[in-house]
Amino acid sequence: MSNTAFVLYENDTNAKASYKTFSILYKYKFLNKKAFSAAFGTGAGIMTHEREYPYKEGGSYYFRESIWTDLVFPVRLELDYKFSQPFQLGLIGGFYIHPDYPILGYFAGPRLAMC
């Protein structure tokens, strides 16, 4: 018997997981000045979760994969600064509300968009 974990991938992990989402949002622009704007959005979507992991049966390891899709409700906040006529630079952030879990898949980052 060994205490060493079974490693399959080059990054020293033994499983892979990914989330894929598709959603439709309704956004409300609550601040609309000449240079600054801010919008809040919410909607509905689907999230597909995929997992691939090793499974030991007897003395051999096998891959198992589980995939499921659920309904999610995205929430988004966008803050933008118009620095030239066709472009605006901003921040975007939000999260997904999952019916079985409180908050799932939060995100934040910069954004470059056309006005």
Protein backbone atom coordinates (compact mmCIF):
# COMPACT_ATOMS: atom_id res chain seq x y z
CA MET A 1 0.00 0.00 0.00
CA SER A 2 1.28 3.45 -0.94
CA ASN A 3 0.40 6.96 0.22
CA THR A 4 1.31 8.42 -3.16
CA ALA A 5 -1.68 9.80 -5.05
CA PHE A 6 -2.30 8.48 -8.52
CA VAL A 7 -1.20 11.26 -10.90
CA LEU A 8 -2.40 11.24 -14.51
CA TYR A 9 -1.76 14.71 -15.86
CA GLU A 10 1.37 16.80 -16.34
CA ASN A 11 0.20 19.49 -13.91
CA ASP A 12 0.24 16.99 -11.00
CA THR A 13 -3.52 16.52 -10.77
CA ASN A 14 -5.57 13.40 -11.18
CA ALA A 15 -8.85 14.90 -12.39
CA LYS A 16 -10.24 17.47 -14.81
CA ALA A 17 -13.36 19.58 -14.42
CA SER A 18 -14.91 22.22 -16.64
CA TYR A 19 -17.98 24.44 -16.66
CA LYS A 20 -19.63 25.61 -19.88
CA THR A 21 -22.43 28.15 -19.75
CA PHE A 22 -24.92 29.71 -22.11
CA SER A 23 -27.22 32.42 -20.85
CA ILE A 24 -29.51 35.21 -21.97
CA LEU A 25 -29.38 38.45 -19.98
CA TYR A 26 -31.57 41.51 -19.64
CA LYS A 27 -29.41 44.54 -18.79
CA TYR A 28 -30.57 47.82 -17.27
CA LYS A 29 -28.26 50.84 -17.66
CA PHE A 30 -28.71 52.77 -14.40
CA LEU A 31 -25.90 55.31 -15.07
CA ASN A 32 -25.51 56.85 -18.51
CA LYS A 33 -23.24 59.91 -18.47
CA LYS A 34 -21.13 61.26 -21.31
CA ALA A 35 -17.97 59.42 -20.23
CA PHE A 36 -19.19 56.88 -17.66
CA SER A 37 -21.87 54.20 -17.77
CA ALA A 38 -22.95 51.36 -15.51
CA ALA A 39 -25.37 48.50 -16.11
CA PHE A 40 -26.86 45.67 -14.07
CA GLY A 41 -28.05 42.48 -15.72
CA THR A 42 -29.76 39.23 -14.87
CA GLY A 43 -31.30 36.39 -16.81
CA ALA A 44 -31.46 32.63 -17.22
CA GLY A 45 -29.15 30.05 -18.70
CA ILE A 46 -27.81 26.53 -18.66
CA MET A 47 -24.54 25.33 -17.18
CA THR A 48 -22.93 22.06 -18.17
CA HIS A 49 -20.46 20.55 -15.71
CA GLU A 50 -18.00 17.90 -16.90
CA ARG A 51 -15.68 15.85 -14.71
CA GLU A 52 -13.10 13.25 -15.68
CA TYR A 53 -11.38 11.35 -12.89
CA PRO A 54 -9.49 8.09 -12.29
CA TYR A 55 -11.32 5.18 -10.71
CA LYS A 56 -9.59 2.16 -9.25
CA GLU A 57 -11.22 -1.19 -9.73
CA GLY A 58 -9.22 -4.17 -8.59
CA GLY A 59 -5.60 -3.35 -9.41
CA SER A 60 -6.33 -1.19 -12.45
CA TYR A 61 -7.19 2.47 -12.93
CA TYR A 62 -9.92 3.54 -15.34
CA PHE A 63 -11.26 6.92 -16.38
CA ARG A 64 -14.78 7.82 -15.41
CA GLU A 65 -16.63 10.80 -16.75
CA SER A 66 -19.70 12.50 -15.37
CA ILE A 67 -21.63 15.23 -17.18
CA TRP A 68 -24.77 17.06 -16.13
CA THR A 69 -26.61 20.24 -17.09
CA ASP A 70 -28.60 22.52 -14.79
CA LEU A 71 -30.53 25.76 -14.88
CA VAL A 72 -28.61 28.83 -13.63
CA PHE A 73 -29.43 32.51 -13.17
CA PRO A 74 -26.58 34.87 -14.10
CA VAL A 75 -26.09 38.23 -12.37
CA ARG A 76 -23.75 40.80 -13.96
CA LEU A 77 -22.44 44.31 -13.24
CA GLU A 78 -20.67 46.36 -15.93
CA LEU A 79 -18.83 49.65 -15.35
CA ASP A 80 -17.49 51.46 -18.45
CA TYR A 81 -15.45 54.57 -19.30
CA LYS A 82 -15.72 55.92 -22.85
CA PHE A 83 -12.20 57.03 -23.78
CA SER A 84 -12.79 57.53 -27.53
CA GLN A 85 -15.78 57.63 -29.86
CA PRO A 86 -16.07 53.93 -30.79
CA PHE A 87 -14.42 52.34 -27.74
CA GLN A 88 -15.02 52.05 -24.02
CA LEU A 89 -12.88 50.42 -21.35
CA GLY A 90 -14.40 48.95 -18.24
CA LEU A 91 -14.79 46.28 -15.62
CA ILE A 92 -17.20 43.39 -15.73
CA GLY A 93 -18.10 41.09 -12.88
CA GLY A 94 -20.78 38.72 -11.80
CA PHE A 95 -21.78 35.28 -10.66
CA TYR A 96 -24.27 32.50 -11.31
CA ILE A 97 -27.04 31.58 -8.90
CA HIS A 98 -27.65 27.84 -8.99
CA PRO A 99 -30.91 26.44 -7.57
CA ASP A 100 -29.09 23.71 -5.59
CA TYR A 101 -26.07 25.80 -4.52
CA PRO A 102 -26.01 29.40 -3.34
CA ILE A 103 -23.48 31.03 -5.72
CA LEU A 104 -21.49 29.26 -8.40
CA GLY A 105 -18.94 30.47 -10.95
CA TYR A 106 -18.16 34.06 -10.01
CA PHE A 107 -15.98 36.14 -12.34
CA ALA A 108 -14.42 39.62 -12.70
CA GLY A 109 -12.07 41.28 -15.13
CA PRO A 110 -11.35 44.05 -17.61
CA ARG A 111 -13.40 44.66 -20.71
CA LEU A 112 -12.91 46.54 -23.98
CA ALA A 113 -16.09 47.16 -25.97
CA MET A 114 -17.44 49.20 -28.84
CA CYS A 115 -20.11 51.78 -28.06
